[in-house]
Amino acid sequence: MAHEIHIDELRKTYGGKPVLGPVSLTLEAGTITAIIGRSGCGKTTLLRCLGGLEEASAGRITIGDGRLARREIGYVFQEPRLMPWLNVARNTGFGVEGATKRQAVAEALEIVGLTAAASLLPKQLSGGMAQRVALARALAPRPEVLLLDEPFSALDPFSREQMQEHLLHLHAHYGATMVLITHDMDEALALAHRIIVLTGPPGIVAGDLRPDLPKPVDRSALAFFEWKRRLTRLLAGQVDDSQLVLDEKPDLARQRLAI
């Protein structure tokens, strides 16, 4: 089952300099949360603290009942980080243990559409394929929480949208709680049930949006445009129009959202 994530007064400092916090959030189980903000606002630091790759300077993170094993948290980095001497199947299964390893690897490769590429080496893969292997590797242990640090930032726009569709498909299949770091507003709106806007440093929560956009989203729809305008205002440091009704008549909605 997916797990809720509780973040309570989290802070992180480097050399006495505050870079994050205080941040307090509760992320609902089985949802996709996007964390967005300008470079240097502490997004990746927050994610690394969630994944146990960084130790918080203060505060507390609780995932589920607090007894979640490290293998139950998957992490996908900006670059695939595949081992060049292992083929796709072995990269996917690296670190997976137990009698069901072969089945878990086969399932993960099938869900990312790479069953036919199982015997290929990383040098034989396109950028999009390599990143799908990285996703499969994170999914093979069947994690309850999946953390993604700008996993599609190096891809061309077409491949990026394809990977976003893959991620929605993965979420529907596995149901894990996902936290996604991104700079891309379209990506955040296309994927997330909730968008947390950070400003900083030190990184603090400047906005908390819950776009009611059906998945997959229609990027040409008025509602998508209005949510993007609202997110733009928050990223620019303007007041959150949290009370706006986004299903109004188009002309009235545009008038009220005019910057």
Protein backbone atom coordinates (compact mmCIF):
# COMPACT_ATOMS: atom_id res chain seq x y z
CA MET A 1 0.00 0.00 0.00
CA ALA A 2 1.07 3.59 -0.60
CA HIS A 3 2.14 5.71 2.37
CA GLU A 4 1.39 9.23 3.55
CA ILE A 5 4.41 11.49 4.05
CA HIS A 6 4.55 13.90 7.01
CA ILE A 7 7.14 16.70 7.00
CA ASP A 8 7.29 18.65 10.26
CA GLU A 9 9.36 21.84 10.61
CA LEU A 10 12.09 20.46 8.35
CA ARG A 11 15.27 22.54 8.11
CA LYS A 12 18.62 22.02 6.41
CA THR A 13 21.79 24.07 6.73
CA TYR A 14 25.17 23.78 5.05
CA GLY A 15 28.12 25.26 6.90
CA GLY A 16 25.76 27.21 9.13
CA LYS A 17 23.93 28.71 6.14
CA PRO A 18 20.19 27.87 5.98
CA VAL A 19 19.16 26.44 2.60
CA LEU A 20 15.80 24.89 3.44
CA GLY A 21 12.98 25.48 5.87
CA PRO A 22 11.10 25.49 7.91
CA VAL A 23 8.87 23.27 5.75
CA SER A 24 5.80 21.47 7.08
CA LEU A 25 3.61 19.39 4.74
CA THR A 26 1.48 16.28 4.68
CA LEU A 27 1.48 14.50 1.31
CA GLU A 28 -1.46 12.15 0.84
CA ALA A 29 -0.87 8.46 0.16
CA GLY A 30 -1.10 7.39 -3.47
CA THR A 31 -0.91 10.90 -4.95
CA ILE A 32 1.59 12.65 -7.21
CA THR A 33 2.99 15.85 -5.70
CA ALA A 34 5.13 18.19 -7.80
CA ILE A 35 7.58 20.53 -6.09
CA ILE A 36 8.45 23.48 -8.26
CA GLY A 37 10.52 26.62 -7.80
CA ARG A 38 13.50 28.53 -9.09
CA SER A 39 17.04 27.14 -9.00
CA GLY A 40 18.58 27.23 -5.55
CA CYS A 41 15.32 27.22 -3.61
CA GLY A 42 15.99 23.86 -1.96
CA LYS A 43 13.82 21.50 -4.06
CA THR A 44 16.44 18.79 -4.49
CA THR A 45 17.61 19.19 -0.89
CA LEU A 46 14.05 18.51 0.26
CA LEU A 47 13.81 15.42 -1.96
CA ARG A 48 17.17 14.10 -0.79
CA CYS A 49 16.03 14.48 2.82
CA LEU A 50 12.86 12.54 1.99
CA GLY A 51 14.94 9.77 0.43
CA GLY A 52 17.42 9.58 3.28
CA LEU A 53 20.29 10.81 1.10
CA GLU A 54 20.67 13.92 3.26
CA GLU A 55 20.20 14.24 7.01
CA ALA A 56 17.92 17.08 8.08
CA SER A 57 19.43 19.68 10.39
CA ALA A 58 16.15 19.96 12.31
CA GLY A 59 12.58 18.74 12.09
CA ARG A 60 11.13 15.35 11.29
CA ILE A 61 10.04 13.28 8.30
CA THR A 62 7.65 10.39 8.83
CA ILE A 63 6.62 8.08 6.00
CA GLY A 64 3.69 5.86 6.84
CA ASP A 65 4.16 4.43 10.32
CA GLY A 66 7.83 5.46 10.32
CA ARG A 67 9.14 1.93 9.79
CA LEU A 68 9.47 2.00 6.00
CA ALA A 69 12.57 0.16 4.79
CA ARG A 70 14.99 1.96 2.43
CA ARG A 71 14.19 -0.54 -0.36
CA GLU A 72 10.56 0.61 -0.22
CA ILE A 73 11.60 4.09 -1.39
CA GLY A 74 12.55 4.42 -5.06
CA TYR A 75 14.69 7.32 -6.33
CA VAL A 76 15.08 8.49 -9.95
CA PHE A 77 17.81 11.05 -10.65
CA GLN A 78 18.15 13.67 -13.41
CA GLU A 79 20.45 11.33 -15.35
CA PRO A 80 19.88 7.57 -15.75
CA ARG A 81 23.10 6.48 -13.95
CA LEU A 82 23.08 3.07 -15.64
CA MET A 83 26.03 0.72 -15.31
CA PRO A 84 27.50 0.50 -18.82
CA TRP A 85 28.67 -3.12 -18.46
CA LEU A 86 25.19 -4.44 -17.54
CA ASN A 87 22.36 -4.94 -20.00
CA VAL A 88 18.91 -3.43 -19.54
CA ALA A 89 17.51 -6.38 -17.58
CA ARG A 90 20.48 -6.52 -15.21
CA ASN A 91 20.46 -2.76 -14.68
CA THR A 92 16.77 -3.00 -13.86
CA GLY A 93 17.29 -5.81 -11.38
CA PHE A 94 20.37 -4.36 -9.72
CA GLY A 95 19.78 -4.37 -5.97
CA VAL A 96 16.58 -6.44 -6.17
CA GLU A 97 16.69 -9.58 -4.06
CA GLY A 98 14.48 -12.60 -3.50
CA ALA A 99 12.82 -15.36 -5.44
CA THR A 100 10.54 -12.95 -7.30
CA LYS A 101 13.40 -10.88 -8.75
CA ARG A 102 12.98 -12.18 -12.31
CA GLN A 103 9.23 -11.56 -12.23
CA ALA A 104 9.70 -8.07 -10.77
CA VAL A 105 12.22 -7.14 -13.47
CA ALA A 106 10.00 -8.50 -16.25
CA GLU A 107 7.00 -6.58 -14.91
CA ALA A 108 8.94 -3.32 -14.58
CA LEU A 109 10.33 -3.60 -18.12
CA GLU A 110 6.89 -4.41 -19.51
CA ILE A 111 5.25 -1.44 -17.81
CA VAL A 112 7.87 0.99 -19.27
CA GLY A 113 7.67 -0.67 -22.69
CA LEU A 114 11.19 -2.10 -22.80
CA THR A 115 10.68 -5.87 -22.75
CA ALA A 116 12.21 -6.18 -26.23
CA ALA A 117 15.28 -4.19 -25.14
CA ALA A 118 16.15 -6.39 -22.14
CA SER A 119 19.43 -7.63 -23.65
CA LEU A 120 20.70 -4.24 -24.88
CA LEU A 121 23.57 -2.36 -23.28
CA PRO A 122 23.17 1.30 -22.19
CA LYS A 123 25.28 2.53 -25.12
CA GLN A 124 22.64 1.10 -27.49
CA LEU A 125 19.81 3.13 -25.94
CA SER A 126 18.40 6.55 -26.75
CA GLY A 127 18.15 9.11 -23.95
CA GLY A 128 14.45 8.41 -23.47
CA MET A 129 15.01 4.65 -23.37
CA ALA A 130 17.82 5.04 -20.82
CA GLN A 131 15.57 7.11 -18.57
CA ARG A 132 12.84 4.48 -18.87
CA VAL A 133 15.38 1.89 -17.67
CA ALA A 134 16.10 4.16 -14.68
CA LEU A 135 12.36 4.25 -13.95
CA ALA A 136 12.12 0.46 -14.29
CA ARG A 137 15.07 0.02 -11.91
CA ALA A 138 13.36 2.22 -9.31
CA LEU A 139 10.10 0.31 -9.75
CA ALA A 140 11.45 -3.24 -9.74
CA PRO A 141 11.58 -3.45 -5.90
CA ARG A 142 7.91 -2.28 -5.98
CA PRO A 143 8.46 0.78 -3.76
CA GLU A 144 5.69 2.37 -1.76
CA VAL A 145 7.20 5.84 -2.35
CA LEU A 146 8.86 7.04 -5.57
CA LEU A 147 10.99 10.20 -5.56
CA LEU A 148 11.87 11.80 -8.91
CA ASP A 149 14.46 14.57 -9.24
CA GLU A 150 13.79 16.27 -12.61
CA PRO A 151 13.96 12.89 -14.34
CA PHE A 152 12.99 14.19 -17.80
CA SER A 153 14.90 17.50 -17.88
CA ALA A 154 17.54 16.28 -20.38
CA LEU A 155 15.01 15.01 -22.93
CA ASP A 156 13.65 16.76 -26.01
CA PRO A 157 10.05 18.07 -25.70
CA PHE A 158 8.48 15.15 -27.59
CA SER A 159 10.32 12.49 -25.55
CA ARG A 160 9.53 14.42 -22.39
CA GLU A 161 5.79 14.32 -23.02
CA GLN A 162 6.03 10.60 -23.80
CA MET A 163 7.81 10.01 -20.49
CA GLN A 164 5.17 12.00 -18.65
CA GLU A 165 2.53 9.70 -20.13
CA HIS A 166 4.61 6.70 -19.03
CA LEU A 167 4.78 8.07 -15.50
CA LEU A 168 0.99 8.44 -15.31
CA HIS A 169 0.67 4.87 -16.56
CA LEU A 170 3.14 3.70 -13.92
CA HIS A 171 1.25 5.52 -11.19
CA ALA A 172 -2.03 3.94 -12.28
CA HIS A 173 -0.37 0.49 -12.19
CA TYR A 174 1.65 0.72 -8.97
CA GLY A 175 -0.26 3.33 -6.96
CA ALA A 176 2.86 4.55 -5.18
CA THR A 177 3.07 7.93 -3.49
CA MET A 178 5.18 10.01 -5.89
CA VAL A 179 7.07 13.26 -5.30
CA LEU A 180 8.40 14.98 -8.42
CA ILE A 181 10.90 17.85 -8.59
CA THR A 182 10.55 19.94 -11.74
CA HIS A 183 11.22 23.39 -13.21
CA ASP A 184 8.55 22.85 -15.86
CA MET A 185 5.08 24.25 -15.16
CA ASP A 186 3.47 22.21 -17.94
CA GLU A 187 4.99 19.04 -16.49
CA ALA A 188 3.78 19.86 -12.98
CA LEU A 189 0.24 20.52 -14.22
CA ALA A 190 0.23 17.45 -16.48
CA LEU A 191 1.28 15.05 -13.75
CA ALA A 192 0.50 16.30 -10.27
CA HIS A 193 -2.57 16.15 -8.08
CA ARG A 194 -0.89 18.79 -5.95
CA ILE A 195 1.80 21.40 -6.66
CA ILE A 196 4.01 22.85 -3.92
CA VAL A 197 5.77 26.09 -4.84
CA LEU A 198 9.04 26.79 -3.02
CA THR A 199 10.83 30.12 -2.80
CA GLY A 200 14.20 30.79 -1.26
CA PRO A 201 16.85 30.27 -0.20
CA PRO A 202 16.14 29.22 2.41
CA GLY A 203 13.38 27.19 0.75
CA ILE A 204 9.93 27.72 2.19
CA VAL A 205 6.44 26.95 0.90
CA ALA A 206 5.04 29.92 -1.06
CA GLY A 207 2.06 28.15 -2.60
CA ASP A 208 0.05 24.95 -2.37
CA LEU A 209 -2.17 24.23 -5.37
CA ARG A 210 -4.47 21.30 -6.15
CA PRO A 211 -5.24 21.49 -9.89
CA ASP A 212 -8.50 19.69 -10.64
CA LEU A 213 -7.37 18.70 -14.13
CA PRO A 214 -8.34 15.25 -15.48
CA LYS A 215 -5.44 12.99 -16.41
CA PRO A 216 -4.15 12.88 -19.07
CA VAL A 217 -4.55 16.64 -19.34
CA ASP A 218 -5.67 18.59 -22.38
CA ARG A 219 -2.89 21.20 -22.67
CA SER A 220 -5.01 23.30 -25.01
CA ALA A 221 -7.93 23.56 -22.56
CA LEU A 222 -8.83 26.85 -20.91
CA ALA A 223 -8.59 25.29 -17.44
CA PHE A 224 -4.98 24.24 -18.12
CA PHE A 225 -4.16 27.77 -19.27
CA GLU A 226 -5.75 29.35 -16.19
CA TRP A 227 -3.91 27.07 -13.78
CA LYS A 228 -0.65 27.85 -15.55
CA ARG A 229 -1.30 31.57 -15.20
CA ARG A 230 -1.95 31.12 -11.50
CA LEU A 231 1.23 29.08 -11.07
CA THR A 232 3.19 31.73 -12.99
CA ARG A 233 2.00 34.39 -10.52
CA LEU A 234 3.13 32.31 -7.55
CA LEU A 235 6.56 31.66 -9.08
CA ALA A 236 6.91 35.37 -9.74
CA GLY A 237 6.23 36.08 -6.07
CA GLN A 238 2.77 37.51 -6.58
CA VAL A 239 -0.29 36.88 -4.41
CA ASP A 240 -1.91 33.45 -4.70
CA ASP A 241 -5.36 33.76 -6.27
CA SER A 242 -6.49 30.84 -4.11
CA GLN A 243 -10.16 31.80 -4.20
CA LEU A 244 -10.45 32.00 -7.97
CA VAL A 245 -13.11 29.84 -9.54
CA LEU A 246 -11.53 28.35 -12.64
CA ASP A 247 -14.69 27.02 -14.27
CA GLU A 248 -16.09 30.50 -14.92
CA LYS A 249 -16.88 31.84 -18.35
CA PRO A 250 -13.59 32.26 -20.25
CA ASP A 251 -13.74 36.05 -20.64
CA LEU A 252 -14.47 36.62 -16.95
CA ALA A 253 -11.76 34.17 -15.87
CA ARG A 254 -9.19 35.88 -18.09
CA GLN A 255 -10.18 39.29 -16.74
CA ARG A 256 -9.76 38.20 -13.12
CA LEU A 257 -6.45 36.46 -13.83
CA ALA A 258 -4.94 39.34 -15.82
CA ILE A 259 -1.48 40.20 -14.57
